[in-house]
């Protein structure tokens, strides 16, 4: 996903309605999200499905890292040698 171009990627809801097909092509071609405004305020973000899926996957990985770091800080981690030993036993 690329950075938003503030001149091209912010559209009013009425402009989006009038040019939906063109704007969907723009999102697909530029790989930049589109911000849709209503009454002068941002209301929604429209983005390519693949970029959205990639964003969700990255978020899930970051959440896993956060949980892992928290567990380690609380002393709930397992030493590397112990994990290695247990895995070797399982796969023999």
PDB file of N, CA and C in Angstrom:
ATOM      1  N   UNK A   1       0.848  -1.177   0.000  1.00  0.00           N
ATOM      2  CA  UNK A   1       0.000   0.000   0.000  1.00  0.00           C
ATOM      3  C   UNK A   1       0.890   1.236   0.000  1.00  0.00           C
ATOM      4  N   UNK A   2       0.567   2.165  -0.852  1.00  0.00           N
ATOM      5  CA  UNK A   2       1.355   3.386  -0.980  1.00  0.00           C
ATOM      6  C   UNK A   2       0.736   4.521  -0.179  1.00  0.00           C
ATOM      7  N   UNK A   3       1.526   5.554   0.038  1.00  0.00           N
ATOM      8  CA  UNK A   3       1.086   6.726   0.777  1.00  0.00           C
ATOM      9  C   UNK A   3       0.008   7.483   0.007  1.00  0.00           C
ATOM     10  N   UNK A   4      -0.913   8.054   0.719  1.00  0.00           N
ATOM     11  CA  UNK A   4      -2.017   8.804   0.122  1.00  0.00           C
ATOM     12  C   UNK A   4      -1.492  10.083  -0.527  1.00  0.00           C
ATOM     13  N   UNK A   5      -2.002  10.370  -1.721  1.00  0.00           N
ATOM     14  CA  UNK A   5      -1.743  11.628  -2.399  1.00  0.00           C
ATOM     15  C   UNK A   5      -2.933  12.529  -2.066  1.00  0.00           C
ATOM     16  N   UNK A   6      -2.706  13.558  -1.272  1.00  0.00           N
ATOM     17  CA  UNK A   6      -3.811  14.370  -0.757  1.00  0.00           C
ATOM     18  C   UNK A   6      -4.579  15.115  -1.847  1.00  0.00           C
ATOM     19  N   UNK A   7      -3.972  15.349  -2.999  1.00  0.00           N
ATOM     20  CA  UNK A   7      -4.665  16.036  -4.087  1.00  0.00           C
ATOM     21  C   UNK A   7      -5.548  15.087  -4.893  1.00  0.00           C
ATOM     22  N   UNK A   8      -5.189  13.802  -4.954  1.00  0.00           N
ATOM     23  CA  UNK A   8      -5.903  12.863  -5.812  1.00  0.00           C
ATOM     24  C   UNK A   8      -6.735  11.833  -5.048  1.00  0.00           C
ATOM     25  N   UNK A   9      -6.428  11.593  -3.799  1.00  0.00           N
ATOM     26  CA  UNK A   9      -7.008  10.449  -3.096  1.00  0.00           C
ATOM     27  C   UNK A   9      -8.024  10.791  -2.012  1.00  0.00           C
ATOM     28  N   UNK A  10      -8.503  12.021  -2.021  1.00  0.00           N
ATOM     29  CA  UNK A  10      -9.566  12.412  -1.090  1.00  0.00           C
ATOM     30  C   UNK A  10     -10.727  12.919  -1.932  1.00  0.00           C
ATOM     31  N   UNK A  11     -11.854  12.228  -1.836  1.00  0.00           N
ATOM     32  CA  UNK A  11     -13.017  12.567  -2.666  1.00  0.00           C
ATOM     33  C   UNK A  11     -14.266  12.634  -1.796  1.00  0.00           C
ATOM     34  N   UNK A  12     -15.167  13.517  -2.180  1.00  0.00           N
ATOM     35  CA  UNK A  12     -16.454  13.600  -1.481  1.00  0.00           C
ATOM     36  C   UNK A  12     -17.311  12.402  -1.869  1.00  0.00           C
ATOM     37  N   UNK A  13     -18.277  12.108  -1.040  1.00  0.00           N
ATOM     38  CA  UNK A  13     -19.186  11.002  -1.312  1.00  0.00           C
ATOM     39  C   UNK A  13     -19.921  11.218  -2.635  1.00  0.00           C
ATOM     40  N   UNK A  14     -20.347  12.444  -2.900  1.00  0.00           N
ATOM     41  CA  UNK A  14     -21.057  12.717  -4.155  1.00  0.00           C
ATOM     42  C   UNK A  14     -20.131  12.518  -5.360  1.00  0.00           C
ATOM     43  N   UNK A  15     -18.874  12.924  -5.254  1.00  0.00           N
ATOM     44  CA  UNK A  15     -17.925  12.697  -6.346  1.00  0.00           C
ATOM     45  C   UNK A  15     -17.663  11.202  -6.521  1.00  0.00           C
ATOM     46  N   UNK A  16     -17.590  10.461  -5.409  1.00  0.00           N
ATOM     47  CA  UNK A  16     -17.401   9.020  -5.516  1.00  0.00           C
ATOM     48  C   UNK A  16     -18.596   8.368  -6.212  1.00  0.00           C
ATOM     49  N   UNK A  17     -19.795   8.770  -5.836  1.00  0.00           N
ATOM     50  CA  UNK A  17     -20.992   8.210  -6.478  1.00  0.00           C
ATOM     51  C   UNK A  17     -20.985   8.455  -7.988  1.00  0.00           C
ATOM     52  N   UNK A  18     -20.601   9.663  -8.377  1.00  0.00           N
ATOM     53  CA  UNK A  18     -20.626  10.033  -9.795  1.00  0.00           C
ATOM     54  C   UNK A  18     -19.520   9.341 -10.596  1.00  0.00           C
ATOM     55  N   UNK A  19     -18.423   8.978  -9.936  1.00  0.00           N
ATOM     56  CA  UNK A  19     -17.254   8.440 -10.645  1.00  0.00           C
ATOM     57  C   UNK A  19     -16.739   7.142 -10.038  1.00  0.00           C
ATOM     58  N   UNK A  20     -17.622   6.328  -9.500  1.00  0.00           N
ATOM     59  CA  UNK A  20     -17.203   5.128  -8.769  1.00  0.00           C
ATOM     60  C   UNK A  20     -16.309   4.224  -9.604  1.00  0.00           C
ATOM     61  N   UNK A  21     -16.699   3.945 -10.826  1.00  0.00           N
ATOM     62  CA  UNK A  21     -15.912   3.039 -11.667  1.00  0.00           C
ATOM     63  C   UNK A  21     -14.508   3.592 -11.919  1.00  0.00           C
ATOM     64  N   UNK A  22     -14.436   4.862 -12.253  1.00  0.00           N
ATOM     65  CA  UNK A  22     -13.146   5.519 -12.497  1.00  0.00           C
ATOM     66  C   UNK A  22     -12.273   5.504 -11.243  1.00  0.00           C
ATOM     67  N   UNK A  23     -12.872   5.778 -10.101  1.00  0.00           N
ATOM     68  CA  UNK A  23     -12.104   5.824  -8.860  1.00  0.00           C
ATOM     69  C   UNK A  23     -11.648   4.437  -8.418  1.00  0.00           C
ATOM     70  N   UNK A  24     -12.460   3.410  -8.690  1.00  0.00           N
ATOM     71  CA  UNK A  24     -12.029   2.038  -8.394  1.00  0.00           C
ATOM     72  C   UNK A  24     -10.828   1.661  -9.257  1.00  0.00           C
ATOM     73  N   UNK A  25     -10.846   2.075 -10.509  1.00  0.00           N
ATOM     74  CA  UNK A  25      -9.685   1.836 -11.392  1.00  0.00           C
ATOM     75  C   UNK A  25      -8.454   2.571 -10.860  1.00  0.00           C
ATOM     76  N   UNK A  26      -8.658   3.792 -10.373  1.00  0.00           N
ATOM     77  CA  UNK A  26      -7.550   4.560  -9.803  1.00  0.00           C
ATOM     78  C   UNK A  26      -6.923   3.822  -8.629  1.00  0.00           C
ATOM     79  N   UNK A  27      -7.750   3.309  -7.741  1.00  0.00           N
ATOM     80  CA  UNK A  27      -7.252   2.555  -6.586  1.00  0.00           C
ATOM     81  C   UNK A  27      -6.474   1.332  -7.049  1.00  0.00           C
ATOM     82  N   UNK A  28      -7.008   0.643  -8.021  1.00  0.00           N
ATOM     83  CA  UNK A  28      -6.363  -0.557  -8.545  1.00  0.00           C
ATOM     84  C   UNK A  28      -5.024  -0.223  -9.205  1.00  0.00           C
ATOM     85  N   UNK A  29      -4.977   0.863  -9.972  1.00  0.00           N
ATOM     86  CA  UNK A  29      -3.758   1.235 -10.697  1.00  0.00           C
ATOM     87  C   UNK A  29      -2.679   1.833  -9.801  1.00  0.00           C
ATOM     88  N   UNK A  30      -3.069   2.687  -8.871  1.00  0.00           N
ATOM     89  CA  UNK A  30      -2.083   3.388  -8.039  1.00  0.00           C
ATOM     90  C   UNK A  30      -1.708   2.619  -6.779  1.00  0.00           C
ATOM     91  N   UNK A  31      -2.575   1.689  -6.373  1.00  0.00           N
ATOM     92  CA  UNK A  31      -2.393   0.930  -5.127  1.00  0.00           C
ATOM     93  C   UNK A  31      -2.417   1.847  -3.905  1.00  0.00           C
ATOM     94  N   UNK A  32      -3.063   3.019  -4.055  1.00  0.00           N
ATOM     95  CA  UNK A  32      -3.231   3.947  -2.939  1.00  0.00           C
ATOM     96  C   UNK A  32      -4.685   3.903  -2.483  1.00  0.00           C
ATOM     97  N   UNK A  33      -4.928   3.994  -1.184  1.00  0.00           N
ATOM     98  CA  UNK A  33      -6.313   4.027  -0.703  1.00  0.00           C
ATOM     99  C   UNK A  33      -6.989   5.350  -1.061  1.00  0.00           C
ATOM    100  N   UNK A  34      -8.299   5.352  -1.040  1.00  0.00           N
ATOM    101  CA  UNK A  34      -9.095   6.541  -1.320  1.00  0.00           C
ATOM    102  C   UNK A  34      -9.867   6.897  -0.054  1.00  0.00           C
ATOM    103  N   UNK A  35      -9.783   8.149   0.332  1.00  0.00           N
ATOM    104  CA  UNK A  35     -10.543   8.626   1.497  1.00  0.00           C
ATOM    105  C   UNK A  35     -11.811   9.275   0.981  1.00  0.00           C
ATOM    106  N   UNK A  36     -12.935   8.840   1.526  1.00  0.00           N
ATOM    107  CA  UNK A  36     -14.225   9.385   1.125  1.00  0.00           C
ATOM    108  C   UNK A  36     -14.734  10.282   2.250  1.00  0.00           C
ATOM    109  N   UNK A  37     -15.109  11.493   1.869  1.00  0.00           N
ATOM    110  CA  UNK A  37     -15.592  12.461   2.855  1.00  0.00           C
ATOM    111  C   UNK A  37     -17.099  12.659   2.715  1.00  0.00           C
ATOM    112  N   UNK A  38     -17.682  13.100   3.820  1.00  0.00           N
ATOM    113  CA  UNK A  38     -19.106  13.455   3.831  1.00  0.00           C
ATOM    114  C   UNK A  38     -19.244  14.699   4.687  1.00  0.00           C
ATOM    115  N   UNK A  39     -19.844  15.713   4.132  1.00  0.00           N
ATOM    116  CA  UNK A  39     -19.988  17.006   4.825  1.00  0.00           C
ATOM    117  C   UNK A  39     -18.628  17.534   5.280  1.00  0.00           C
ATOM    118  N   UNK A  40     -17.615  17.336   4.440  1.00  0.00           N
ATOM    119  CA  UNK A  40     -16.280  17.886   4.705  1.00  0.00           C
ATOM    120  C   UNK A  40     -15.439  17.111   5.701  1.00  0.00           C
ATOM    121  N   UNK A  41     -15.938  15.989   6.184  1.00  0.00           N
ATOM    122  CA  UNK A  41     -15.192  15.186   7.155  1.00  0.00           C
ATOM    123  C   UNK A  41     -14.945  13.792   6.590  1.00  0.00           C
ATOM    124  N   UNK A  42     -13.775  13.248   6.874  1.00  0.00           N
ATOM    125  CA  UNK A  42     -13.466  11.906   6.393  1.00  0.00           C
ATOM    126  C   UNK A  42     -14.392  10.898   7.058  1.00  0.00           C
ATOM    127  N   UNK A  43     -14.935   9.975   6.242  1.00  0.00           N
ATOM    128  CA  UNK A  43     -15.901   9.000   6.745  1.00  0.00           C
ATOM    129  C   UNK A  43     -15.515   7.562   6.447  1.00  0.00           C
ATOM    130  N   UNK A  44     -14.741   7.335   5.370  1.00  0.00           N
ATOM    131  CA  UNK A  44     -14.417   5.956   5.002  1.00  0.00           C
ATOM    132  C   UNK A  44     -13.119   5.927   4.205  1.00  0.00           C
ATOM    133  N   UNK A  45     -12.502   4.747   4.213  1.00  0.00           N
ATOM    134  CA  UNK A  45     -11.304   4.511   3.411  1.00  0.00           C
ATOM    135  C   UNK A  45     -11.597   3.321   2.518  1.00  0.00           C
ATOM    136  N   UNK A  46     -11.354   3.488   1.239  1.00  0.00           N
ATOM    137  CA  UNK A  46     -11.551   2.428   0.268  1.00  0.00           C
ATOM    138  C   UNK A  46     -10.184   2.029  -0.262  1.00  0.00           C
ATOM    139  N   UNK A  47      -9.895   0.727  -0.203  1.00  0.00           N
ATOM    140  CA  UNK A  47      -8.576   0.283  -0.633  1.00  0.00           C
ATOM    141  C   UNK A  47      -8.657  -1.031  -1.378  1.00  0.00           C
ATOM    142  N   UNK A  48      -7.592  -1.350  -2.100  1.00  0.00           N
ATOM    143  CA  UNK A  48      -7.492  -2.592  -2.842  1.00  0.00           C
ATOM    144  C   UNK A  48      -7.614  -3.781  -1.888  1.00  0.00           C
ATOM    145  N   UNK A  49      -8.305  -4.817  -2.314  1.00  0.00           N
ATOM    146  CA  UNK A  49      -8.559  -5.984  -1.464  1.00  0.00           C
ATOM    147  C   UNK A  49      -7.253  -6.669  -1.057  1.00  0.00           C
ATOM    148  N   UNK A  50      -6.330  -6.827  -1.990  1.00  0.00           N
ATOM    149  CA  UNK A  50      -5.049  -7.479  -1.670  1.00  0.00           C
ATOM    150  C   UNK A  50      -4.272  -6.671  -0.645  1.00  0.00           C
ATOM    151  N   UNK A  51      -4.262  -5.348  -0.811  1.00  0.00           N
ATOM    152  CA  UNK A  51      -3.573  -4.494   0.162  1.00  0.00           C
ATOM    153  C   UNK A  51      -4.235  -4.599   1.537  1.00  0.00           C
ATOM    154  N   UNK A  52      -5.566  -4.674   1.556  1.00  0.00           N
ATOM    155  CA  UNK A  52      -6.286  -4.818   2.820  1.00  0.00           C
ATOM    156  C   UNK A  52      -5.925  -6.143   3.491  1.00  0.00           C
ATOM    157  N   UNK A  53      -5.919  -7.209   2.722  1.00  0.00           N
ATOM    158  CA  UNK A  53      -5.574  -8.522   3.271  1.00  0.00           C
ATOM    159  C   UNK A  53      -4.147  -8.520   3.821  1.00  0.00           C
ATOM    160  N   UNK A  54      -3.212  -7.926   3.092  1.00  0.00           N
ATOM    161  CA  UNK A  54      -1.829  -7.837   3.567  1.00  0.00           C
ATOM    162  C   UNK A  54      -1.738  -7.026   4.854  1.00  0.00           C
ATOM    163  N   UNK A  55      -2.508  -5.958   4.932  1.00  0.00           N
ATOM    164  CA  UNK A  55      -2.519  -5.125   6.133  1.00  0.00           C
ATOM    165  C   UNK A  55      -3.031  -5.913   7.340  1.00  0.00           C
ATOM    166  N   UNK A  56      -4.088  -6.685   7.146  1.00  0.00           N
ATOM    167  CA  UNK A  56      -4.648  -7.496   8.226  1.00  0.00           C
ATOM    168  C   UNK A  56      -3.639  -8.552   8.674  1.00  0.00           C
ATOM    169  N   UNK A  57      -2.960  -9.195   7.726  1.00  0.00           N
ATOM    170  CA  UNK A  57      -1.964 -10.213   8.076  1.00  0.00           C
ATOM    171  C   UNK A  57      -0.828  -9.600   8.889  1.00  0.00           C
ATOM    172  N   UNK A  58      -0.363  -8.411   8.495  1.00  0.00           N
ATOM    173  CA  UNK A  58       0.695  -7.736   9.248  1.00  0.00           C
ATOM    174  C   UNK A  58       0.219  -7.384  10.651  1.00  0.00           C
ATOM    175  N   UNK A  59      -1.012  -6.927  10.753  1.00  0.00           N
ATOM    176  CA  UNK A  59      -1.571  -6.586  12.062  1.00  0.00           C
ATOM    177  C   UNK A  59      -1.636  -7.817  12.961  1.00  0.00           C
ATOM    178  N   UNK A  60      -2.045  -8.954  12.414  1.00  0.00           N
ATOM    179  CA  UNK A  60      -2.118 -10.186  13.203  1.00  0.00           C
ATOM    180  C   UNK A  60      -0.738 -10.602  13.696  1.00  0.00           C
ATOM    181  N   UNK A  61       0.282 -10.473  12.850  1.00  0.00           N
ATOM    182  CA  UNK A  61       1.652 -10.800  13.261  1.00  0.00           C
ATOM    183  C   UNK A  61       2.103  -9.870  14.378  1.00  0.00           C
ATOM    184  N   UNK A  62       1.827  -8.577  14.240  1.00  0.00           N
ATOM    185  CA  UNK A  62       2.205  -7.616  15.280  1.00  0.00           C
ATOM    186  C   UNK A  62       1.489  -7.903  16.600  1.00  0.00           C
ATOM    187  N   UNK A  63       0.228  -8.320  16.525  1.00  0.00           N
ATOM    188  CA  UNK A  63      -0.504  -8.681  17.738  1.00  0.00           C
ATOM    189  C   UNK A  63       0.125  -9.904  18.403  1.00  0.00           C
ATOM    190  N   UNK A  64       0.540 -10.890  17.603  1.00  0.00           N
ATOM    191  CA  UNK A  64       1.210 -12.075  18.150  1.00  0.00           C
ATOM    192  C   UNK A  64       2.523 -11.690  18.827  1.00  0.00           C
ATOM    193  N   UNK A  65       3.270 -10.799  18.197  1.00  0.00           N
ATOM    194  CA  UNK A  65       4.536 -10.345  18.788  1.00  0.00           C
ATOM    195  C   UNK A  65       4.273  -9.622  20.103  1.00  0.00           C
ATOM    196  N   UNK A  66       3.254  -8.776  20.138  1.00  0.00           N
ATOM    197  CA  UNK A  66       2.916  -8.047  21.358  1.00  0.00           C
ATOM    198  C   UNK A  66       2.571  -9.016  22.492  1.00  0.00           C
ATOM    199  N   UNK A  67       1.735 -10.005  22.199  1.00  0.00           N
ATOM    200  CA  UNK A  67       1.350 -10.986  23.217  1.00  0.00           C
ATOM    201  C   UNK A  67       2.576 -11.756  23.696  1.00  0.00           C
ATOM    202  N   UNK A  68       3.433 -12.150  22.756  1.00  0.00           N
ATOM    203  CA  UNK A  68       4.636 -12.902  23.114  1.00  0.00           C
ATOM    204  C   UNK A  68       5.561 -12.085  24.011  1.00  0.00           C
ATOM    205  N   UNK A  69       5.777 -10.831  23.655  1.00  0.00           N
ATOM    206  CA  UNK A  69       6.638  -9.972  24.466  1.00  0.00           C
ATOM    207  C   UNK A  69       6.052  -9.779  25.866  1.00  0.00           C
ATOM    208  N   UNK A  70       4.743  -9.640  25.941  1.00  0.00           N
ATOM    209  CA  UNK A  70       4.080  -9.478  27.245  1.00  0.00           C
ATOM    210  C   UNK A  70       4.254 -10.739  28.094  1.00  0.00           C
ATOM    211  N   UNK A  71       4.082 -11.917  27.463  1.00  0.00           N
ATOM    212  CA  UNK A  71       4.250 -13.171  28.192  1.00  0.00           C
ATOM    213  C   UNK A  71       5.690 -13.340  28.678  1.00  0.00           C
ATOM    214  N   UNK A  72       6.648 -12.974  27.855  1.00  0.00           N
ATOM    215  CA  UNK A  72       8.061 -13.064  28.261  1.00  0.00           C
ATOM    216  C   UNK A  72       8.325 -12.132  29.439  1.00  0.00           C
ATOM    217  N   UNK A  73       7.790 -10.914  29.372  1.00  0.00           N
ATOM    218  CA  UNK A  73       7.982  -9.950  30.465  1.00  0.00           C
ATOM    219  C   UNK A  73       7.356 -10.450  31.763  1.00  0.00           C
ATOM    220  N   UNK A  74       6.307 -11.255  31.669  1.00  0.00           N
ATOM    221  CA  UNK A  74       5.636 -11.802  32.852  1.00  0.00           C
ATOM    222  C   UNK A  74       6.279 -13.108  33.315  1.00  0.00           C
ATOM    223  N   UNK A  75       7.366 -13.503  32.649  1.00  0.00           N
ATOM    224  CA  UNK A  75       8.061 -14.729  33.036  1.00  0.00           C
ATOM    225  C   UNK A  75       7.401 -16.002  32.561  1.00  0.00           C
ATOM    226  N   UNK A  76       6.541 -15.909  31.570  1.00  0.00           N
ATOM    227  CA  UNK A  76       5.816 -17.077  31.076  1.00  0.00           C
ATOM    228  C   UNK A  76       6.505 -17.746  29.885  1.00  0.00           C
ATOM    229  N   UNK A  77       7.686 -17.276  29.532  1.00  0.00           N
ATOM    230  CA  UNK A  77       8.403 -17.845  28.396  1.00  0.00           C
ATOM    231  C   UNK A  77       9.049 -19.182  28.740  1.00  0.00           C
ATOM    232  N   UNK A  78       9.419 -19.905  27.699  1.00  0.00           N
ATOM    233  CA  UNK A  78      10.121 -21.182  27.857  1.00  0.00           C
ATOM    234  C   UNK A  78      11.511 -21.005  27.265  1.00  0.00           C
ATOM    235  N   UNK A  79      12.552 -21.407  27.987  1.00  0.00           N
ATOM    236  CA  UNK A  79      13.919 -21.251  27.476  1.00  0.00           C
ATOM    237  C   UNK A  79      14.113 -21.982  26.145  1.00  0.00           C
ATOM    238  N   UNK A  80      14.935 -21.422  25.296  1.00  0.00           N
ATOM    239  CA  UNK A  80      15.199 -21.953  23.955  1.00  0.00           C
ATOM    240  C   UNK A  80      15.626 -23.424  24.003  1.00  0.00           C
ATOM    241  N   UNK A  81      16.534 -23.745  24.895  1.00  0.00           N
ATOM    242  CA  UNK A  81      17.031 -25.117  24.980  1.00  0.00           C
ATOM    243  C   UNK A  81      15.921 -26.107  25.298  1.00  0.00           C
ATOM    244  N   UNK A  82      15.003 -25.708  26.168  1.00  0.00           N
ATOM    245  CA  UNK A  82      13.889 -26.578  26.529  1.00  0.00           C
ATOM    246  C   UNK A  82      12.954 -26.793  25.335  1.00  0.00           C
ATOM    247  N   UNK A  83      12.665 -25.738  24.599  1.00  0.00           N
ATOM    248  CA  UNK A  83      11.801 -25.850  23.424  1.00  0.00           C
ATOM    249  C   UNK A  83      12.456 -26.747  22.385  1.00  0.00           C
ATOM    250  N   UNK A  84      13.740 -26.528  22.154  1.00  0.00           N
ATOM    251  CA  UNK A  84      14.471 -27.334  21.173  1.00  0.00           C
ATOM    252  C   UNK A  84      14.427 -28.813  21.551  1.00  0.00           C
ATOM    253  N   UNK A  85      14.656 -29.086  22.811  1.00  0.00           N
ATOM    254  CA  UNK A  85      14.645 -30.466  23.308  1.00  0.00           C
ATOM    255  C   UNK A  85      13.267 -31.111  23.109  1.00  0.00           C
ATOM    256  N   UNK A  86      12.203 -30.392  23.455  1.00  0.00           N
ATOM    257  CA  UNK A  86      10.845 -30.917  23.315  1.00  0.00           C
ATOM    258  C   UNK A  86      10.485 -31.156  21.847  1.00  0.00           C
ATOM    259  N   UNK A  87      10.892 -30.252  20.967  1.00  0.00           N
ATOM    260  CA  UNK A  87      10.601 -30.435  19.546  1.00  0.00           C
ATOM    261  C   UNK A  87      11.357 -31.623  18.966  1.00  0.00           C
ATOM    262  N   UNK A  88      12.605 -31.780  19.357  1.00  0.00           N
ATOM    263  CA  UNK A  88      13.381 -32.918  18.861  1.00  0.00           C
ATOM    264  C   UNK A  88      12.754 -34.234  19.300  1.00  0.00           C
ATOM    265  N   UNK A  89      12.221 -34.287  20.516  1.00  0.00           N
ATOM    266  CA  UNK A  89      11.552 -35.506  21.005  1.00  0.00           C
ATOM    267  C   UNK A  89      10.312 -35.815  20.175  1.00  0.00           C
ATOM    268  N   UNK A  90       9.549 -34.790  19.816  1.00  0.00           N
ATOM    269  CA  UNK A  90       8.316 -34.984  19.064  1.00  0.00           C
ATOM    270  C   UNK A  90       8.570 -35.484  17.648  1.00  0.00           C
ATOM    271  N   UNK A  91       9.667 -35.049  17.048  1.00  0.00           N
ATOM    272  CA  UNK A  91       9.915 -35.371  15.652  1.00  0.00           C
ATOM    273  C   UNK A  91      10.848 -36.546  15.440  1.00  0.00           C
ATOM    274  N   UNK A  92      11.175 -37.268  16.505  1.00  0.00           N
ATOM    275  CA  UNK A  92      12.035 -38.455  16.374  1.00  0.00           C
ATOM    276  C   UNK A  92      11.202 -39.677  16.176  1.00  0.00           C
TER     277      UNK A  92
END
